[in-house]
Amino acid sequence: MESHPAVAAWLWLRLAGEPNRLWAYKGSKAGVAVAALWSELLETWGAVLSDNVVEAIAVVPEPQDDDEFDAAVGWVLGKALAAGDPGVDILGNATIGGFAVPCDDGLRAAFAAFAMEN
């Protein structure tokens, strides 16, 4: 199973309304963008993840660059998945592999269609 932190962050930020507004978090804009993305994700996670996962996230240090950001978002996915949080899902199966992602009905439907073709 894999996780894709950038996809996960974008899906979570889409719940907040404007996922593309803060999206340039790689390269020269990373420092400012990472702080803004992290702040917005903390708010979003508070609304969509269970209290025990949100409490665990509170001890995660704020990421300082894009690599730390990706690692922290991946950790949140794993923590939520391990806790059985209903806000995180696994797309895939043992045959084609799987991805941990935030729950999204459109993504689930598109992935199901892909899996049937492959």
C-alpha atoms as a PDB file:
ATOM      1  CA  MET A   1       0.000   0.000   0.000  1.00  0.00           C
ATOM      2  CA  GLU A   2       1.159   3.518  -0.753  1.00  0.00           C
ATOM      3  CA  SER A   3       0.221   7.031   0.173  1.00  0.00           C
ATOM      4  CA  HIS A   4       0.515  10.143  -1.934  1.00  0.00           C
ATOM      5  CA  PRO A   5       0.740  13.096   0.448  1.00  0.00           C
ATOM      6  CA  ALA A   6       0.302  15.745  -2.248  1.00  0.00           C
ATOM      7  CA  VAL A   7      -2.885  14.088  -3.516  1.00  0.00           C
ATOM      8  CA  ALA A   8      -4.130  13.635   0.045  1.00  0.00           C
ATOM      9  CA  ALA A   9      -3.407  17.255   0.964  1.00  0.00           C
ATOM     10  CA  TRP A  10      -5.144  18.499  -2.179  1.00  0.00           C
ATOM     11  CA  LEU A  11      -8.217  16.355  -1.485  1.00  0.00           C
ATOM     12  CA  TRP A  12      -8.406  17.584   2.105  1.00  0.00           C
ATOM     13  CA  LEU A  13      -7.906  21.204   1.044  1.00  0.00           C
ATOM     14  CA  ARG A  14     -10.676  20.777  -1.514  1.00  0.00           C
ATOM     15  CA  LEU A  15     -13.002  20.203   1.448  1.00  0.00           C
ATOM     16  CA  ALA A  16     -11.988  23.662   2.663  1.00  0.00           C
ATOM     17  CA  GLY A  17     -13.054  25.143  -0.665  1.00  0.00           C
ATOM     18  CA  GLU A  18     -10.005  26.292  -2.613  1.00  0.00           C
ATOM     19  CA  PRO A  19      -7.350  23.589  -2.995  1.00  0.00           C
ATOM     20  CA  ASN A  20      -5.380  25.425  -5.673  1.00  0.00           C
ATOM     21  CA  ARG A  21      -5.105  28.753  -3.833  1.00  0.00           C
ATOM     22  CA  LEU A  22      -2.074  27.676  -1.777  1.00  0.00           C
ATOM     23  CA  TRP A  23      -0.779  24.905  -3.936  1.00  0.00           C
ATOM     24  CA  ALA A  24       2.804  25.981  -4.862  1.00  0.00           C
ATOM     25  CA  TYR A  25       4.546  24.302  -1.929  1.00  0.00           C
ATOM     26  CA  LYS A  26       7.599  22.944  -3.765  1.00  0.00           C
ATOM     27  CA  GLY A  27      10.720  24.879  -4.705  1.00  0.00           C
ATOM     28  CA  SER A  28      11.439  28.500  -3.895  1.00  0.00           C
ATOM     29  CA  LYS A  29       7.992  29.229  -2.423  1.00  0.00           C
ATOM     30  CA  ALA A  30       8.083  26.193  -0.147  1.00  0.00           C
ATOM     31  CA  GLY A  31       8.649  27.887   3.218  1.00  0.00           C
ATOM     32  CA  VAL A  32       5.718  30.282   3.091  1.00  0.00           C
ATOM     33  CA  ALA A  33       3.405  27.887   1.293  1.00  0.00           C
ATOM     34  CA  VAL A  34       4.133  24.961   3.622  1.00  0.00           C
ATOM     35  CA  ALA A  35       3.198  27.046   6.676  1.00  0.00           C
ATOM     36  CA  ALA A  36      -0.041  28.216   5.048  1.00  0.00           C
ATOM     37  CA  LEU A  37      -0.954  24.723   3.834  1.00  0.00           C
ATOM     38  CA  TRP A  38      -0.239  23.189   7.232  1.00  0.00           C
ATOM     39  CA  SER A  39      -2.396  25.774   8.995  1.00  0.00           C
ATOM     40  CA  GLU A  40      -5.299  25.174   6.612  1.00  0.00           C
ATOM     41  CA  LEU A  41      -4.942  21.395   6.889  1.00  0.00           C
ATOM     42  CA  LEU A  42      -5.039  21.579  10.696  1.00  0.00           C
ATOM     43  CA  GLU A  43      -8.394  23.343  10.451  1.00  0.00           C
ATOM     44  CA  THR A  44      -9.702  20.868   7.885  1.00  0.00           C
ATOM     45  CA  TRP A  45      -8.527  17.842   9.862  1.00  0.00           C
ATOM     46  CA  GLY A  46     -10.324  19.217  12.920  1.00  0.00           C
ATOM     47  CA  ALA A  47     -13.561  19.090  10.945  1.00  0.00           C
ATOM     48  CA  VAL A  48     -13.167  15.755   9.128  1.00  0.00           C
ATOM     49  CA  LEU A  49     -11.049  13.414  11.263  1.00  0.00           C
ATOM     50  CA  SER A  50     -11.910  11.798  14.586  1.00  0.00           C
ATOM     51  CA  ASP A  51     -10.926  13.527  17.813  1.00  0.00           C
ATOM     52  CA  ASN A  52      -8.286  10.950  18.750  1.00  0.00           C
ATOM     53  CA  VAL A  53      -6.504  11.450  15.405  1.00  0.00           C
ATOM     54  CA  VAL A  54      -6.731  15.246  15.687  1.00  0.00           C
ATOM     55  CA  GLU A  55      -5.231  15.033  19.196  1.00  0.00           C
ATOM     56  CA  ALA A  56      -2.335  12.936  17.839  1.00  0.00           C
ATOM     57  CA  ILE A  57      -1.729  15.449  15.041  1.00  0.00           C
ATOM     58  CA  ALA A  58      -1.397  18.244  17.604  1.00  0.00           C
ATOM     59  CA  VAL A  59       2.002  16.892  18.698  1.00  0.00           C
ATOM     60  CA  VAL A  60       3.419  16.803  15.160  1.00  0.00           C
ATOM     61  CA  PRO A  61       5.907  19.666  14.690  1.00  0.00           C
ATOM     62  CA  GLU A  62       4.994  22.148  11.986  1.00  0.00           C
ATOM     63  CA  PRO A  63       6.802  21.149   8.777  1.00  0.00           C
ATOM     64  CA  GLN A  64       9.565  23.514   7.686  1.00  0.00           C
ATOM     65  CA  ASP A  65       9.910  22.440   4.058  1.00  0.00           C
ATOM     66  CA  ASP A  66       8.167  20.422   1.379  1.00  0.00           C
ATOM     67  CA  ASP A  67       9.817  17.132   2.356  1.00  0.00           C
ATOM     68  CA  GLU A  68       8.760  17.488   5.990  1.00  0.00           C
ATOM     69  CA  PHE A  69       5.282  18.489   4.802  1.00  0.00           C
ATOM     70  CA  ASP A  70       4.958  15.357   2.665  1.00  0.00           C
ATOM     71  CA  ALA A  71       6.212  13.196   5.549  1.00  0.00           C
ATOM     72  CA  ALA A  72       3.779  14.754   8.023  1.00  0.00           C
ATOM     73  CA  VAL A  73       0.776  14.398   5.697  1.00  0.00           C
ATOM     74  CA  GLY A  74       1.760  10.779   5.031  1.00  0.00           C
ATOM     75  CA  TRP A  75       1.954  10.203   8.780  1.00  0.00           C
ATOM     76  CA  VAL A  76      -1.527  11.690   9.249  1.00  0.00           C
ATOM     77  CA  LEU A  77      -2.874   9.332   6.573  1.00  0.00           C
ATOM     78  CA  GLY A  78      -1.267   6.354   8.294  1.00  0.00           C
ATOM     79  CA  LYS A  79      -2.402   7.409  11.764  1.00  0.00           C
ATOM     80  CA  ALA A  80      -5.977   7.921  10.589  1.00  0.00           C
ATOM     81  CA  LEU A  81      -5.978   4.618   8.737  1.00  0.00           C
ATOM     82  CA  ALA A  82      -4.548   2.711  11.723  1.00  0.00           C
ATOM     83  CA  ALA A  83      -7.152   4.325  14.002  1.00  0.00           C
ATOM     84  CA  GLY A  84      -9.973   3.238  11.683  1.00  0.00           C
ATOM     85  CA  ASP A  85     -10.934   6.842  11.024  1.00  0.00           C
ATOM     86  CA  PRO A  86     -13.895   7.025   8.627  1.00  0.00           C
ATOM     87  CA  GLY A  87     -12.313  10.038   6.884  1.00  0.00           C
ATOM     88  CA  VAL A  88      -9.589   7.898   5.290  1.00  0.00           C
ATOM     89  CA  ASP A  89     -10.052   5.128   2.790  1.00  0.00           C
ATOM     90  CA  ILE A  90      -8.004   2.542   0.910  1.00  0.00           C
ATOM     91  CA  LEU A  91      -8.419   2.431  -2.836  1.00  0.00           C
ATOM     92  CA  GLY A  92      -7.315  -0.817  -4.425  1.00  0.00           C
ATOM     93  CA  ASN A  93      -6.859  -4.427  -3.503  1.00  0.00           C
ATOM     94  CA  ALA A  94      -4.218  -7.139  -3.126  1.00  0.00           C
ATOM     95  CA  THR A  95      -4.060  -7.687  -6.887  1.00  0.00           C
ATOM     96  CA  ILE A  96      -3.486  -4.133  -8.101  1.00  0.00           C
ATOM     97  CA  GLY A  97      -2.123  -2.562  -4.925  1.00  0.00           C
ATOM     98  CA  GLY A  98      -3.655   0.150  -2.835  1.00  0.00           C
ATOM     99  CA  PHE A  99      -3.477   3.804  -1.845  1.00  0.00           C
ATOM    100  CA  ALA A 100      -4.429   5.449   1.425  1.00  0.00           C
ATOM    101  CA  VAL A 101      -6.427   8.590   0.620  1.00  0.00           C
ATOM    102  CA  PRO A 102      -8.978  10.892   2.209  1.00  0.00           C
ATOM    103  CA  CYS A 103     -12.516   9.693   1.499  1.00  0.00           C
ATOM    104  CA  ASP A 104     -13.872  11.088  -1.757  1.00  0.00           C
ATOM    105  CA  ASP A 105     -16.839   9.555  -3.582  1.00  0.00           C
ATOM    106  CA  GLY A 106     -15.722  10.776  -7.016  1.00  0.00           C
ATOM    107  CA  LEU A 107     -12.234   9.378  -6.577  1.00  0.00           C
ATOM    108  CA  ARG A 108     -13.632   6.051  -5.338  1.00  0.00           C
ATOM    109  CA  ALA A 109     -15.916   5.761  -8.389  1.00  0.00           C
ATOM    110  CA  ALA A 110     -13.128   6.651 -10.821  1.00  0.00           C
ATOM    111  CA  PHE A 111     -10.754   4.181  -9.198  1.00  0.00           C
ATOM    112  CA  ALA A 112     -13.374   1.411  -9.257  1.00  0.00           C
ATOM    113  CA  ALA A 113     -13.817   1.971 -12.999  1.00  0.00           C
ATOM    114  CA  PHE A 114     -10.037   1.879 -13.481  1.00  0.00           C
ATOM    115  CA  ALA A 115      -9.710  -1.332 -11.465  1.00  0.00           C
ATOM    116  CA  MET A 116     -12.412  -3.048 -13.502  1.00  0.00           C
ATOM    117  CA  GLU A 117     -10.561  -2.216 -16.729  1.00  0.00           C
ATOM    118  CA  ASN A 118      -7.248  -3.507 -15.396  1.00  0.00           C
END
